[in-house]
């Protein structure tokens, strides 16, 4: 069982930046494919960013590419999402997800989820 905990959300003005963190308690994230998703009110959960199965390549949704960066610190069992040049369209609850064998850009491919952290971007 992997328990993921996100933090770092908040209210920011358009053009600003936030860094989200996703950690676990008592175990490492090594061997897990990690991803970030988000869900805006009234919309389906959508892919934001993830690592490849090997962990050496990052993939991004077209809407965030060039603005967001996913990274990880294996020693501290933490995955980050650096978000720059935020716009009101980035407002959503952001979720960290993990799976030990599957990978991809759809929510059903991930077994473990955090509780989410709210990101609100004001215009």
C-alpha atoms as a PDB file:
ATOM      1  CA  UNK A   1       0.000   0.000   0.000  1.00  0.00           C
ATOM      2  CA  UNK A   2       1.324   3.403  -0.993  1.00  0.00           C
ATOM      3  CA  UNK A   3      -0.073   6.476   0.708  1.00  0.00           C
ATOM      4  CA  UNK A   4       0.522   9.652  -1.227  1.00  0.00           C
ATOM      5  CA  UNK A   5       0.202  13.109   0.278  1.00  0.00           C
ATOM      6  CA  UNK A   6       0.203  16.262  -1.827  1.00  0.00           C
ATOM      7  CA  UNK A   7       1.039  19.733  -0.591  1.00  0.00           C
ATOM      8  CA  UNK A   8       1.897  23.138  -1.964  1.00  0.00           C
ATOM      9  CA  UNK A   9      -1.396  24.230  -3.441  1.00  0.00           C
ATOM     10  CA  UNK A  10      -2.881  27.651  -2.857  1.00  0.00           C
ATOM     11  CA  UNK A  11      -4.099  30.880  -4.382  1.00  0.00           C
ATOM     12  CA  UNK A  12      -1.844  32.658  -6.857  1.00  0.00           C
ATOM     13  CA  UNK A  13      -2.277  35.453  -9.373  1.00  0.00           C
ATOM     14  CA  UNK A  14      -2.081  34.797 -13.084  1.00  0.00           C
ATOM     15  CA  UNK A  15       1.537  34.657 -14.200  1.00  0.00           C
ATOM     16  CA  UNK A  16       2.679  33.379 -10.850  1.00  0.00           C
ATOM     17  CA  UNK A  17       4.263  30.091  -9.829  1.00  0.00           C
ATOM     18  CA  UNK A  18       3.639  27.261  -7.398  1.00  0.00           C
ATOM     19  CA  UNK A  19       5.501  24.069  -6.586  1.00  0.00           C
ATOM     20  CA  UNK A  20       3.495  21.037  -5.603  1.00  0.00           C
ATOM     21  CA  UNK A  21       5.002  18.166  -3.657  1.00  0.00           C
ATOM     22  CA  UNK A  22       3.911  14.563  -3.398  1.00  0.00           C
ATOM     23  CA  UNK A  23       5.388  12.418  -0.697  1.00  0.00           C
ATOM     24  CA  UNK A  24       4.927   9.124   1.047  1.00  0.00           C
ATOM     25  CA  UNK A  25       5.403   8.026   4.595  1.00  0.00           C
ATOM     26  CA  UNK A  26       7.759   5.267   5.466  1.00  0.00           C
ATOM     27  CA  UNK A  27       8.669   4.069   1.983  1.00  0.00           C
ATOM     28  CA  UNK A  28      10.472   5.055  -1.165  1.00  0.00           C
ATOM     29  CA  UNK A  29       8.913   5.871  -4.502  1.00  0.00           C
ATOM     30  CA  UNK A  30      11.592   3.967  -6.369  1.00  0.00           C
ATOM     31  CA  UNK A  31      10.064   1.481  -8.771  1.00  0.00           C
ATOM     32  CA  UNK A  32       6.795   3.395  -9.120  1.00  0.00           C
ATOM     33  CA  UNK A  33       5.672   5.324 -12.159  1.00  0.00           C
ATOM     34  CA  UNK A  34       4.639   8.743 -10.897  1.00  0.00           C
ATOM     35  CA  UNK A  35       2.233  11.180 -12.464  1.00  0.00           C
ATOM     36  CA  UNK A  36       0.247  14.323 -11.820  1.00  0.00           C
ATOM     37  CA  UNK A  37      -3.379  14.794 -12.819  1.00  0.00           C
ATOM     38  CA  UNK A  38      -5.836  17.605 -12.218  1.00  0.00           C
ATOM     39  CA  UNK A  39      -9.586  18.011 -12.050  1.00  0.00           C
ATOM     40  CA  UNK A  40     -11.449  21.257 -12.492  1.00  0.00           C
ATOM     41  CA  UNK A  41     -15.051  21.678 -11.281  1.00  0.00           C
ATOM     42  CA  UNK A  42     -17.477  19.942 -13.610  1.00  0.00           C
ATOM     43  CA  UNK A  43     -14.699  18.392 -15.679  1.00  0.00           C
ATOM     44  CA  UNK A  44     -13.083  14.990 -15.858  1.00  0.00           C
ATOM     45  CA  UNK A  45      -9.726  14.301 -14.298  1.00  0.00           C
ATOM     46  CA  UNK A  46      -7.026  15.038 -16.832  1.00  0.00           C
ATOM     47  CA  UNK A  47      -3.390  14.168 -17.291  1.00  0.00           C
ATOM     48  CA  UNK A  48      -0.798  16.826 -16.496  1.00  0.00           C
ATOM     49  CA  UNK A  49       2.634  15.188 -16.381  1.00  0.00           C
ATOM     50  CA  UNK A  50       4.311  11.854 -15.753  1.00  0.00           C
ATOM     51  CA  UNK A  51       7.565   9.982 -15.886  1.00  0.00           C
ATOM     52  CA  UNK A  52       8.358   7.150 -18.249  1.00  0.00           C
ATOM     53  CA  UNK A  53       8.569   3.597 -16.910  1.00  0.00           C
ATOM     54  CA  UNK A  54      12.335   3.969 -16.601  1.00  0.00           C
ATOM     55  CA  UNK A  55      11.934   7.312 -14.904  1.00  0.00           C
ATOM     56  CA  UNK A  56      14.375   9.113 -17.167  1.00  0.00           C
ATOM     57  CA  UNK A  57      11.873  10.794 -19.464  1.00  0.00           C
ATOM     58  CA  UNK A  58       9.056  13.202 -18.642  1.00  0.00           C
ATOM     59  CA  UNK A  59       5.837  13.626 -20.578  1.00  0.00           C
ATOM     60  CA  UNK A  60       3.485  16.571 -20.418  1.00  0.00           C
ATOM     61  CA  UNK A  61       0.011  17.509 -21.518  1.00  0.00           C
ATOM     62  CA  UNK A  62       0.090  19.978 -24.386  1.00  0.00           C
ATOM     63  CA  UNK A  63      -1.653  22.572 -22.236  1.00  0.00           C
ATOM     64  CA  UNK A  64       1.189  22.688 -19.692  1.00  0.00           C
ATOM     65  CA  UNK A  65       4.253  21.829 -21.754  1.00  0.00           C
ATOM     66  CA  UNK A  66       6.911  24.510 -21.397  1.00  0.00           C
ATOM     67  CA  UNK A  67       5.322  25.850 -18.194  1.00  0.00           C
ATOM     68  CA  UNK A  68       5.262  22.867 -15.832  1.00  0.00           C
ATOM     69  CA  UNK A  69       8.120  20.588 -14.810  1.00  0.00           C
ATOM     70  CA  UNK A  70       7.860  17.231 -13.065  1.00  0.00           C
ATOM     71  CA  UNK A  71      10.825  16.101 -11.020  1.00  0.00           C
ATOM     72  CA  UNK A  72      11.593  13.636  -8.288  1.00  0.00           C
ATOM     73  CA  UNK A  73      13.915  13.223  -5.372  1.00  0.00           C
ATOM     74  CA  UNK A  74      14.282   9.518  -4.777  1.00  0.00           C
ATOM     75  CA  UNK A  75      16.280   9.979  -1.641  1.00  0.00           C
ATOM     76  CA  UNK A  76      13.399  11.797  -0.010  1.00  0.00           C
ATOM     77  CA  UNK A  77      10.611   9.890  -1.733  1.00  0.00           C
ATOM     78  CA  UNK A  78       9.135  13.054  -3.132  1.00  0.00           C
ATOM     79  CA  UNK A  79       7.817  14.038  -6.544  1.00  0.00           C
ATOM     80  CA  UNK A  80       7.417  17.675  -7.478  1.00  0.00           C
ATOM     81  CA  UNK A  81       5.423  19.671  -9.990  1.00  0.00           C
ATOM     82  CA  UNK A  82       6.854  23.107 -10.640  1.00  0.00           C
ATOM     83  CA  UNK A  83       4.177  25.272 -12.218  1.00  0.00           C
ATOM     84  CA  UNK A  84       5.133  28.564 -13.852  1.00  0.00           C
ATOM     85  CA  UNK A  85       3.200  31.164 -15.853  1.00  0.00           C
ATOM     86  CA  UNK A  86      -0.042  30.011 -14.291  1.00  0.00           C
ATOM     87  CA  UNK A  87      -3.344  31.003 -15.860  1.00  0.00           C
ATOM     88  CA  UNK A  88      -6.926  30.819 -14.528  1.00  0.00           C
ATOM     89  CA  UNK A  89      -7.383  27.745 -16.741  1.00  0.00           C
ATOM     90  CA  UNK A  90      -4.914  25.919 -14.486  1.00  0.00           C
ATOM     91  CA  UNK A  91      -7.331  26.206 -11.553  1.00  0.00           C
ATOM     92  CA  UNK A  92      -8.111  22.679 -10.353  1.00  0.00           C
ATOM     93  CA  UNK A  93      -7.485  20.101  -7.686  1.00  0.00           C
ATOM     94  CA  UNK A  94      -4.125  18.518  -8.447  1.00  0.00           C
ATOM     95  CA  UNK A  95      -3.570  14.847  -7.697  1.00  0.00           C
ATOM     96  CA  UNK A  96      -0.438  12.782  -7.438  1.00  0.00           C
ATOM     97  CA  UNK A  97      -0.704   9.212  -8.713  1.00  0.00           C
ATOM     98  CA  UNK A  98       1.509   6.128  -8.681  1.00  0.00           C
ATOM     99  CA  UNK A  99       1.577   2.611 -10.024  1.00  0.00           C
ATOM    100  CA  UNK A 100       4.130  -0.161  -9.725  1.00  0.00           C
ATOM    101  CA  UNK A 101       3.607  -1.671 -13.167  1.00  0.00           C
ATOM    102  CA  UNK A 102       1.281   0.318 -15.405  1.00  0.00           C
ATOM    103  CA  UNK A 103       1.967   3.730 -16.873  1.00  0.00           C
ATOM    104  CA  UNK A 104       0.327   6.151 -19.228  1.00  0.00           C
ATOM    105  CA  UNK A 105      -1.805   9.246 -19.369  1.00  0.00           C
ATOM    106  CA  UNK A 106      -5.187   8.019 -18.192  1.00  0.00           C
ATOM    107  CA  UNK A 107      -6.320   7.889 -14.562  1.00  0.00           C
ATOM    108  CA  UNK A 108      -7.311   4.216 -14.766  1.00  0.00           C
ATOM    109  CA  UNK A 109      -3.668   3.264 -15.242  1.00  0.00           C
ATOM    110  CA  UNK A 110      -2.749   4.315 -11.715  1.00  0.00           C
ATOM    111  CA  UNK A 111      -3.552   2.442  -8.544  1.00  0.00           C
ATOM    112  CA  UNK A 112      -2.506   4.873  -5.824  1.00  0.00           C
ATOM    113  CA  UNK A 113      -3.762   8.420  -5.419  1.00  0.00           C
ATOM    114  CA  UNK A 114      -3.278  11.286  -3.038  1.00  0.00           C
ATOM    115  CA  UNK A 115      -6.120  13.324  -1.602  1.00  0.00           C
ATOM    116  CA  UNK A 116      -5.438  16.264  -3.890  1.00  0.00           C
ATOM    117  CA  UNK A 117      -4.368  19.849  -3.346  1.00  0.00           C
ATOM    118  CA  UNK A 118      -6.317  22.868  -4.558  1.00  0.00           C
ATOM    119  CA  UNK A 119      -4.667  25.311  -6.947  1.00  0.00           C
ATOM    120  CA  UNK A 120      -6.559  28.517  -7.659  1.00  0.00           C
ATOM    121  CA  UNK A 121      -5.262  31.065 -10.142  1.00  0.00           C
ATOM    122  CA  UNK A 122      -6.897  34.474 -10.088  1.00  0.00           C
ATOM    123  CA  UNK A 123      -7.018  36.768 -13.107  1.00  0.00           C
END
